[in-house]
């Protein structure tokens, strides 16, 4: 088995392990007694689980293309390039979510689309103009994005 196949197999297994851990956490429950906190936790956990599941499926498809074609073929190169793009997107999303949490939000999810569209969901009952400007400023600094490509939304907690 070639090194590329081993790396692809290990990457897939690590992703599946991460998805399993998320599902375990979601299905085991968090034991929260506050209904609002439960709704928030469910939203963020569900969003992350769905995103991880979708990406895992795409990684599996890409791995099957990578294993089916020779290293020199165009299909192989495209699948490897797409896989690398996905890894970079995942890293960027994780970095942005961490930055948003460091800004004082208890939770946040970031989704970066194929056309460099960025959707940001933060744990907040309201977003002031100042907070939105700070979030946009961080996105602009980190990703050199344009105004029309960003959607920033609060996730309201029901109490």
N, C-alpha and C. Protein backbone atom coordinates (compact mmCIF):
# COMPACT_ATOMS: atom_id res chain seq x y z
N UNK A 1 0.86 -1.17 0.00
CA UNK A 1 0.00 0.00 0.00
C UNK A 1 0.91 1.24 0.00
N UNK A 2 0.62 2.18 -0.89
CA UNK A 2 1.48 3.37 -1.00
C UNK A 2 1.26 4.31 0.18
N UNK A 3 2.22 5.20 0.39
CA UNK A 3 2.14 6.17 1.49
C UNK A 3 0.92 7.07 1.34
N UNK A 4 0.59 7.45 0.11
CA UNK A 4 -0.56 8.32 -0.13
C UNK A 4 -1.85 7.63 0.31
N UNK A 5 -1.97 6.36 -0.01
CA UNK A 5 -3.16 5.62 0.39
C UNK A 5 -3.22 5.47 1.90
N UNK A 6 -2.07 5.24 2.52
CA UNK A 6 -2.03 5.12 3.97
C UNK A 6 -2.45 6.43 4.63
N UNK A 7 -1.95 7.53 4.10
CA UNK A 7 -2.31 8.84 4.65
C UNK A 7 -3.80 9.11 4.46
N UNK A 8 -4.31 8.79 3.28
CA UNK A 8 -5.74 8.98 3.02
C UNK A 8 -6.58 8.12 3.95
N UNK A 9 -6.18 6.88 4.15
CA UNK A 9 -6.91 5.99 5.03
C UNK A 9 -6.89 6.50 6.46
N UNK A 10 -5.72 6.92 6.93
CA UNK A 10 -5.61 7.44 8.30
C UNK A 10 -6.42 8.72 8.48
N UNK A 11 -6.41 9.59 7.47
CA UNK A 11 -7.20 10.83 7.55
C UNK A 11 -8.68 10.51 7.67
N UNK A 12 -9.13 9.56 6.88
CA UNK A 12 -10.54 9.17 6.94
C UNK A 12 -10.88 8.58 8.30
N UNK A 13 -10.03 7.75 8.83
CA UNK A 13 -10.29 7.14 10.12
C UNK A 13 -10.32 8.18 11.24
N UNK A 14 -9.43 9.16 11.18
CA UNK A 14 -9.43 10.23 12.19
C UNK A 14 -10.71 11.03 12.11
N UNK A 15 -11.15 11.36 10.89
CA UNK A 15 -12.40 12.10 10.74
C UNK A 15 -13.59 11.30 11.26
N UNK A 16 -13.62 10.02 10.96
CA UNK A 16 -14.72 9.19 11.44
C UNK A 16 -14.70 9.10 12.97
N UNK A 17 -13.52 9.05 13.56
CA UNK A 17 -13.40 9.05 15.01
C UNK A 17 -13.95 10.34 15.59
N UNK A 18 -13.63 11.47 14.95
CA UNK A 18 -14.13 12.76 15.42
C UNK A 18 -15.66 12.82 15.32
N UNK A 19 -16.21 12.33 14.22
CA UNK A 19 -17.67 12.32 14.05
C UNK A 19 -18.31 11.43 15.12
N UNK A 20 -17.71 10.29 15.39
CA UNK A 20 -18.22 9.39 16.42
C UNK A 20 -18.21 10.06 17.78
N UNK A 21 -17.15 10.79 18.09
CA UNK A 21 -17.07 11.50 19.37
C UNK A 21 -18.16 12.55 19.47
N UNK A 22 -18.41 13.28 18.39
CA UNK A 22 -19.47 14.30 18.40
C UNK A 22 -20.83 13.64 18.61
N UNK A 23 -21.10 12.56 17.86
CA UNK A 23 -22.37 11.87 18.03
C UNK A 23 -22.52 11.32 19.45
N UNK A 24 -21.47 10.80 20.00
CA UNK A 24 -21.50 10.30 21.36
C UNK A 24 -21.88 11.41 22.33
N UNK A 25 -21.26 12.56 22.17
CA UNK A 25 -21.55 13.71 23.03
C UNK A 25 -23.00 14.14 22.87
N UNK A 26 -23.47 14.24 21.63
CA UNK A 26 -24.84 14.69 21.36
C UNK A 26 -25.86 13.69 21.89
N UNK A 27 -25.64 12.42 21.64
CA UNK A 27 -26.61 11.40 22.04
C UNK A 27 -26.59 11.14 23.54
N UNK A 28 -25.45 11.33 24.18
CA UNK A 28 -25.36 11.11 25.62
C UNK A 28 -26.04 12.23 26.39
N UNK A 29 -26.18 13.39 25.77
CA UNK A 29 -26.81 14.54 26.43
C UNK A 29 -25.80 15.27 27.30
N UNK A 30 -26.07 16.54 27.51
CA UNK A 30 -25.15 17.36 28.29
C UNK A 30 -25.60 17.52 29.73
N UNK A 31 -26.81 17.10 30.05
CA UNK A 31 -27.31 17.20 31.41
C UNK A 31 -27.70 18.62 31.80
N UNK A 32 -27.87 19.50 30.84
CA UNK A 32 -28.22 20.89 31.14
C UNK A 32 -29.67 20.96 31.61
N UNK A 33 -29.91 21.82 32.59
CA UNK A 33 -31.26 21.97 33.10
C UNK A 33 -31.94 23.20 32.53
N UNK A 34 -31.17 24.15 32.04
CA UNK A 34 -31.71 25.37 31.46
C UNK A 34 -32.14 25.08 30.03
N UNK A 35 -33.43 25.29 29.74
CA UNK A 35 -33.97 25.00 28.42
C UNK A 35 -33.28 25.85 27.36
N UNK A 36 -33.03 27.13 27.64
CA UNK A 36 -32.36 28.01 26.69
C UNK A 36 -30.97 27.52 26.36
N UNK A 37 -30.23 27.11 27.37
CA UNK A 37 -28.88 26.60 27.15
C UNK A 37 -28.94 25.31 26.34
N UNK A 38 -29.98 24.49 26.60
CA UNK A 38 -30.13 23.24 25.88
C UNK A 38 -30.39 23.49 24.40
N UNK A 39 -31.24 24.49 24.09
CA UNK A 39 -31.52 24.83 22.70
C UNK A 39 -30.24 25.30 22.02
N UNK A 40 -29.47 26.17 22.70
CA UNK A 40 -28.21 26.66 22.15
C UNK A 40 -27.24 25.52 21.90
N UNK A 41 -27.04 24.70 22.92
CA UNK A 41 -26.09 23.60 22.80
C UNK A 41 -26.52 22.66 21.68
N UNK A 42 -27.82 22.39 21.59
CA UNK A 42 -28.31 21.53 20.54
C UNK A 42 -28.05 22.13 19.17
N UNK A 43 -28.26 23.43 19.02
CA UNK A 43 -28.04 24.08 17.73
C UNK A 43 -26.58 23.95 17.31
N UNK A 44 -25.68 24.37 18.18
CA UNK A 44 -24.27 24.34 17.83
C UNK A 44 -23.76 22.92 17.65
N UNK A 45 -24.15 22.02 18.53
CA UNK A 45 -23.73 20.62 18.41
C UNK A 45 -24.28 19.99 17.14
N UNK A 46 -25.54 20.24 16.86
CA UNK A 46 -26.17 19.68 15.67
C UNK A 46 -25.52 20.23 14.41
N UNK A 47 -25.26 21.53 14.40
CA UNK A 47 -24.63 22.14 13.23
C UNK A 47 -23.27 21.51 12.98
N UNK A 48 -22.48 21.40 14.04
CA UNK A 48 -21.14 20.81 13.88
C UNK A 48 -21.23 19.34 13.45
N UNK A 49 -22.15 18.59 14.04
CA UNK A 49 -22.30 17.18 13.67
C UNK A 49 -22.71 17.04 12.21
N UNK A 50 -23.65 17.87 11.77
CA UNK A 50 -24.07 17.83 10.37
C UNK A 50 -22.92 18.19 9.43
N UNK A 51 -22.19 19.24 9.80
CA UNK A 51 -21.06 19.67 8.98
C UNK A 51 -20.01 18.58 8.91
N UNK A 52 -19.68 17.97 10.05
CA UNK A 52 -18.69 16.90 10.07
C UNK A 52 -19.14 15.68 9.28
N UNK A 53 -20.41 15.36 9.38
CA UNK A 53 -20.95 14.22 8.65
C UNK A 53 -20.87 14.44 7.14
N UNK A 54 -21.26 15.63 6.72
CA UNK A 54 -21.22 15.96 5.29
C UNK A 54 -19.79 15.92 4.78
N UNK A 55 -18.89 16.48 5.54
CA UNK A 55 -17.48 16.50 5.12
C UNK A 55 -16.89 15.09 5.12
N UNK A 56 -17.28 14.28 6.08
CA UNK A 56 -16.78 12.90 6.12
C UNK A 56 -17.22 12.13 4.88
N UNK A 57 -18.47 12.35 4.48
CA UNK A 57 -18.97 11.70 3.27
C UNK A 57 -18.17 12.16 2.05
N UNK A 58 -17.88 13.45 1.99
CA UNK A 58 -17.11 13.96 0.86
C UNK A 58 -15.69 13.40 0.88
N UNK A 59 -15.09 13.28 2.07
CA UNK A 59 -13.75 12.69 2.17
C UNK A 59 -13.77 11.24 1.70
N UNK A 60 -14.80 10.51 2.05
CA UNK A 60 -14.90 9.11 1.63
C UNK A 60 -15.00 9.02 0.11
N UNK A 61 -15.80 9.91 -0.48
CA UNK A 61 -15.92 9.92 -1.94
C UNK A 61 -14.59 10.28 -2.60
N UNK A 62 -13.92 11.28 -2.04
CA UNK A 62 -12.62 11.68 -2.59
C UNK A 62 -11.60 10.56 -2.45
N UNK A 63 -11.63 9.87 -1.31
CA UNK A 63 -10.70 8.76 -1.09
C UNK A 63 -10.95 7.64 -2.10
N UNK A 64 -12.22 7.40 -2.43
CA UNK A 64 -12.51 6.36 -3.41
C UNK A 64 -12.01 6.77 -4.80
N UNK A 65 -12.10 8.05 -5.13
CA UNK A 65 -11.56 8.52 -6.41
C UNK A 65 -10.04 8.40 -6.40
N UNK A 66 -9.42 8.80 -5.29
CA UNK A 66 -7.96 8.74 -5.18
C UNK A 66 -7.47 7.30 -5.32
N UNK A 67 -8.16 6.36 -4.71
CA UNK A 67 -7.72 4.97 -4.78
C UNK A 67 -8.03 4.33 -6.14
N UNK A 68 -9.01 4.88 -6.87
CA UNK A 68 -9.41 4.28 -8.14
C UNK A 68 -8.53 4.72 -9.32
N UNK A 69 -7.87 5.86 -9.20
CA UNK A 69 -7.10 6.38 -10.32
C UNK A 69 -5.61 6.39 -10.02
N UNK A 70 -4.82 6.39 -11.06
CA UNK A 70 -3.37 6.46 -10.94
C UNK A 70 -2.95 7.85 -10.49
N UNK A 71 -1.79 7.93 -9.83
CA UNK A 71 -1.31 9.20 -9.30
C UNK A 71 -1.14 10.28 -10.37
N UNK A 72 -0.84 9.93 -11.57
CA UNK A 72 -0.61 10.92 -12.63
C UNK A 72 -1.87 11.42 -13.31
N UNK A 73 -3.03 10.80 -13.04
CA UNK A 73 -4.24 11.17 -13.77
C UNK A 73 -4.83 12.48 -13.26
N UNK A 74 -5.60 13.11 -14.12
CA UNK A 74 -6.24 14.39 -13.78
C UNK A 74 -7.26 14.21 -12.66
N UNK A 75 -8.02 13.12 -12.68
CA UNK A 75 -9.01 12.85 -11.64
C UNK A 75 -8.34 12.74 -10.27
N UNK A 76 -7.21 12.06 -10.25
CA UNK A 76 -6.46 11.89 -9.00
C UNK A 76 -6.01 13.25 -8.49
N UNK A 77 -5.42 14.06 -9.35
CA UNK A 77 -4.93 15.39 -8.95
C UNK A 77 -6.09 16.27 -8.45
N UNK A 78 -7.23 16.22 -9.13
CA UNK A 78 -8.39 17.02 -8.71
C UNK A 78 -8.90 16.57 -7.35
N UNK A 79 -8.97 15.26 -7.12
CA UNK A 79 -9.46 14.74 -5.85
C UNK A 79 -8.52 15.12 -4.71
N UNK A 80 -7.23 15.01 -4.94
CA UNK A 80 -6.26 15.38 -3.91
C UNK A 80 -6.33 16.88 -3.62
N UNK A 81 -6.48 17.68 -4.68
CA UNK A 81 -6.58 19.14 -4.50
C UNK A 81 -7.84 19.51 -3.73
N UNK A 82 -8.95 18.86 -4.04
CA UNK A 82 -10.21 19.14 -3.33
C UNK A 82 -10.10 18.72 -1.87
N UNK A 83 -9.45 17.61 -1.63
CA UNK A 83 -9.28 17.14 -0.26
C UNK A 83 -8.44 18.15 0.53
N UNK A 84 -7.40 18.67 -0.09
CA UNK A 84 -6.56 19.68 0.57
C UNK A 84 -7.36 20.96 0.83
N UNK A 85 -8.20 21.35 -0.13
CA UNK A 85 -9.06 22.52 0.07
C UNK A 85 -9.98 22.34 1.27
N UNK A 86 -10.56 21.15 1.39
CA UNK A 86 -11.45 20.88 2.51
C UNK A 86 -10.71 20.94 3.85
N UNK A 87 -9.52 20.39 3.88
CA UNK A 87 -8.72 20.43 5.11
C UNK A 87 -8.42 21.88 5.49
N UNK A 88 -8.06 22.69 4.50
CA UNK A 88 -7.77 24.11 4.76
C UNK A 88 -9.02 24.84 5.24
N UNK A 89 -10.18 24.55 4.63
CA UNK A 89 -11.44 25.17 5.07
C UNK A 89 -11.73 24.80 6.52
N UNK A 90 -11.54 23.54 6.85
CA UNK A 90 -11.80 23.08 8.22
C UNK A 90 -10.89 23.79 9.21
N UNK A 91 -9.63 23.94 8.84
CA UNK A 91 -8.69 24.64 9.71
C UNK A 91 -9.08 26.10 9.88
N UNK A 92 -9.45 26.77 8.78
CA UNK A 92 -9.85 28.17 8.84
C UNK A 92 -11.10 28.35 9.71
N UNK A 93 -12.07 27.45 9.55
CA UNK A 93 -13.28 27.54 10.36
C UNK A 93 -12.96 27.37 11.84
N UNK A 94 -12.12 26.41 12.15
CA UNK A 94 -11.75 26.18 13.55
C UNK A 94 -11.02 27.39 14.13
N UNK A 95 -10.12 27.99 13.38
CA UNK A 95 -9.41 29.18 13.84
C UNK A 95 -10.40 30.32 14.10
N UNK A 96 -11.32 30.54 13.16
CA UNK A 96 -12.29 31.62 13.33
C UNK A 96 -13.20 31.37 14.53
N UNK A 97 -13.65 30.15 14.72
CA UNK A 97 -14.50 29.82 15.86
C UNK A 97 -13.75 30.08 17.17
N UNK A 98 -12.49 29.74 17.20
CA UNK A 98 -11.68 29.98 18.40
C UNK A 98 -11.50 31.48 18.64
N UNK A 99 -11.27 32.23 17.59
CA UNK A 99 -11.12 33.69 17.73
C UNK A 99 -12.42 34.29 18.25
N UNK A 100 -13.56 33.85 17.72
CA UNK A 100 -14.84 34.39 18.16
C UNK A 100 -15.10 34.05 19.63
N UNK A 101 -14.73 32.86 20.05
CA UNK A 101 -14.89 32.49 21.46
C UNK A 101 -13.99 33.35 22.34
N UNK A 102 -12.80 33.68 21.83
CA UNK A 102 -11.90 34.53 22.61
C UNK A 102 -12.41 35.96 22.70
N UNK A 103 -13.34 36.33 21.82
CA UNK A 103 -13.94 37.66 21.87
C UNK A 103 -15.04 37.74 22.92
N UNK A 104 -15.36 36.60 23.56
CA UNK A 104 -16.34 36.61 24.63
C UNK A 104 -17.61 35.83 24.34
N UNK A 105 -17.76 35.29 23.14
CA UNK A 105 -18.94 34.48 22.83
C UNK A 105 -18.72 33.08 23.40
N UNK A 106 -19.77 32.53 24.02
CA UNK A 106 -19.62 31.21 24.62
C UNK A 106 -19.53 30.12 23.57
N UNK A 107 -20.10 30.35 22.38
CA UNK A 107 -19.99 29.39 21.30
C UNK A 107 -20.18 30.11 19.97
N UNK A 108 -19.66 29.51 18.93
CA UNK A 108 -19.78 30.08 17.59
C UNK A 108 -19.50 28.99 16.57
N UNK A 109 -20.15 29.10 15.42
CA UNK A 109 -19.81 28.24 14.29
C UNK A 109 -19.59 29.12 13.08
N UNK A 110 -18.63 28.72 12.26
CA UNK A 110 -18.28 29.45 11.06
C UNK A 110 -18.34 28.46 9.91
N UNK A 111 -18.98 28.87 8.82
CA UNK A 111 -19.04 28.04 7.62
C UNK A 111 -18.50 28.85 6.46
N UNK A 112 -17.44 28.35 5.85
CA UNK A 112 -16.84 29.02 4.70
C UNK A 112 -17.24 28.23 3.47
N UNK A 113 -17.93 28.89 2.56
CA UNK A 113 -18.42 28.23 1.36
C UNK A 113 -17.39 28.19 0.25
N UNK A 114 -17.77 27.54 -0.84
CA UNK A 114 -16.87 27.39 -1.99
C UNK A 114 -16.54 28.73 -2.64
N UNK A 115 -17.45 29.67 -2.64
CA UNK A 115 -17.24 30.96 -3.28
C UNK A 115 -16.74 32.00 -2.28
N UNK A 116 -16.08 31.55 -1.23
CA UNK A 116 -15.56 32.40 -0.18
C UNK A 116 -16.66 33.18 0.55
N UNK A 117 -17.87 32.62 0.53
CA UNK A 117 -18.94 33.16 1.36
C UNK A 117 -18.72 32.65 2.77
N UNK A 118 -18.92 33.54 3.75
CA UNK A 118 -18.69 33.15 5.13
C UNK A 118 -19.96 33.40 5.93
N UNK A 119 -20.44 32.35 6.60
CA UNK A 119 -21.59 32.46 7.50
C UNK A 119 -21.09 32.28 8.92
N UNK A 120 -21.45 33.22 9.78
CA UNK A 120 -21.01 33.20 11.17
C UNK A 120 -22.25 33.17 12.05
N UNK A 121 -22.32 32.19 12.95
CA UNK A 121 -23.41 32.10 13.92
C UNK A 121 -22.78 32.15 15.30
N UNK A 122 -23.18 33.14 16.10
CA UNK A 122 -22.60 33.31 17.43
C UNK A 122 -23.66 33.15 18.49
N UNK A 123 -23.24 32.70 19.65
CA UNK A 123 -24.12 32.53 20.80
C UNK A 123 -24.33 33.89 21.43
N UNK A 124 -25.43 34.54 21.07
CA UNK A 124 -25.72 35.87 21.57
C UNK A 124 -27.21 36.15 21.42
N UNK A 125 -27.77 36.85 22.40
CA UNK A 125 -29.19 37.22 22.28
C UNK A 125 -29.37 38.39 21.35
N UNK A 126 -28.32 39.20 21.19
CA UNK A 126 -28.38 40.29 20.22
C UNK A 126 -26.96 40.67 19.82
N UNK A 127 -26.86 41.24 18.64
CA UNK A 127 -25.57 41.71 18.16
C UNK A 127 -25.65 43.21 17.94
N UNK A 128 -24.85 43.94 18.65
CA UNK A 128 -24.81 45.38 18.46
C UNK A 128 -23.97 45.68 17.22
N UNK A 129 -24.08 46.91 16.76
CA UNK A 129 -23.26 47.32 15.62
C UNK A 129 -21.77 47.19 15.94
N UNK A 130 -21.42 47.48 17.17
CA UNK A 130 -20.02 47.39 17.57
C UNK A 130 -19.51 45.96 17.49
N UNK A 131 -20.30 45.01 18.01
CA UNK A 131 -19.90 43.60 17.95
C UNK A 131 -19.81 43.10 16.50
N UNK A 132 -20.78 43.48 15.69
CA UNK A 132 -20.76 43.05 14.29
C UNK A 132 -19.55 43.63 13.57
N UNK A 133 -19.22 44.87 13.89
CA UNK A 133 -18.04 45.49 13.28
C UNK A 133 -16.77 44.77 13.70
N UNK A 134 -16.68 44.40 14.99
CA UNK A 134 -15.50 43.66 15.46
C UNK A 134 -15.38 42.31 14.77
N UNK A 135 -16.51 41.60 14.66
CA UNK A 135 -16.50 40.29 14.00
C UNK A 135 -16.08 40.45 12.54
N UNK A 136 -16.68 41.41 11.87
CA UNK A 136 -16.34 41.63 10.46
C UNK A 136 -14.88 42.02 10.30
N UNK A 137 -14.39 42.84 11.20
CA UNK A 137 -12.99 43.27 11.15
C UNK A 137 -12.05 42.08 11.27
N UNK A 138 -12.36 41.16 12.18
CA UNK A 138 -11.53 39.96 12.33
C UNK A 138 -11.58 39.13 11.05
N UNK A 139 -12.78 38.95 10.49
CA UNK A 139 -12.90 38.19 9.25
C UNK A 139 -12.12 38.85 8.12
N UNK A 140 -12.24 40.15 8.06
CA UNK A 140 -11.56 40.90 7.00
C UNK A 140 -10.04 40.77 7.13
N UNK A 141 -9.56 40.85 8.36
CA UNK A 141 -8.12 40.73 8.60
C UNK A 141 -7.62 39.33 8.30
N UNK A 142 -8.35 38.32 8.76
CA UNK A 142 -7.91 36.93 8.60
C UNK A 142 -8.06 36.42 7.17
N UNK A 143 -9.13 36.85 6.46
CA UNK A 143 -9.45 36.22 5.18
C UNK A 143 -9.54 37.17 4.00
N UNK A 144 -9.29 38.44 4.21
CA UNK A 144 -9.32 39.41 3.12
C UNK A 144 -10.61 39.26 2.30
N UNK A 145 -11.74 39.35 2.99
CA UNK A 145 -13.03 39.14 2.35
C UNK A 145 -13.69 40.47 2.00
N UNK A 146 -14.74 40.38 1.20
CA UNK A 146 -15.49 41.57 0.81
C UNK A 146 -16.77 41.65 1.60
N UNK A 147 -17.34 42.83 1.65
CA UNK A 147 -18.53 43.12 2.44
C UNK A 147 -19.70 42.20 2.12
N UNK A 148 -19.98 41.93 0.87
CA UNK A 148 -21.16 41.17 0.49
C UNK A 148 -21.06 39.68 0.72
N UNK A 149 -19.91 39.19 1.16
CA UNK A 149 -19.72 37.75 1.30
C UNK A 149 -19.90 37.24 2.72
N UNK A 150 -20.30 38.08 3.65
CA UNK A 150 -20.36 37.69 5.06
C UNK A 150 -21.78 37.84 5.60
N UNK A 151 -22.23 36.80 6.31
CA UNK A 151 -23.49 36.86 7.03
C UNK A 151 -23.18 36.54 8.49
N UNK A 152 -23.54 37.45 9.38
CA UNK A 152 -23.31 37.26 10.81
C UNK A 152 -24.66 37.20 11.50
N UNK A 153 -24.93 36.10 12.18
CA UNK A 153 -26.24 35.89 12.80
C UNK A 153 -26.09 35.49 14.26
N UNK A 154 -26.92 36.08 15.14
CA UNK A 154 -26.95 35.59 16.53
C UNK A 154 -27.87 34.38 16.61
N UNK A 155 -27.58 33.50 17.54
CA UNK A 155 -28.46 32.37 17.83
C UNK A 155 -29.10 32.68 19.17
N UNK A 156 -30.40 32.89 19.15
CA UNK A 156 -31.11 33.31 20.36
C UNK A 156 -31.39 32.14 21.28
N UNK A 157 -31.25 32.36 22.56
CA UNK A 157 -31.57 31.34 23.56
C UNK A 157 -32.97 31.59 24.07
N UNK A 158 -33.77 30.54 24.03
CA UNK A 158 -35.13 30.63 24.56
C UNK A 158 -35.08 30.34 26.05
N UNK A 159 -35.71 31.19 26.86
CA UNK A 159 -35.71 30.89 28.29
C UNK A 159 -37.10 30.87 28.85
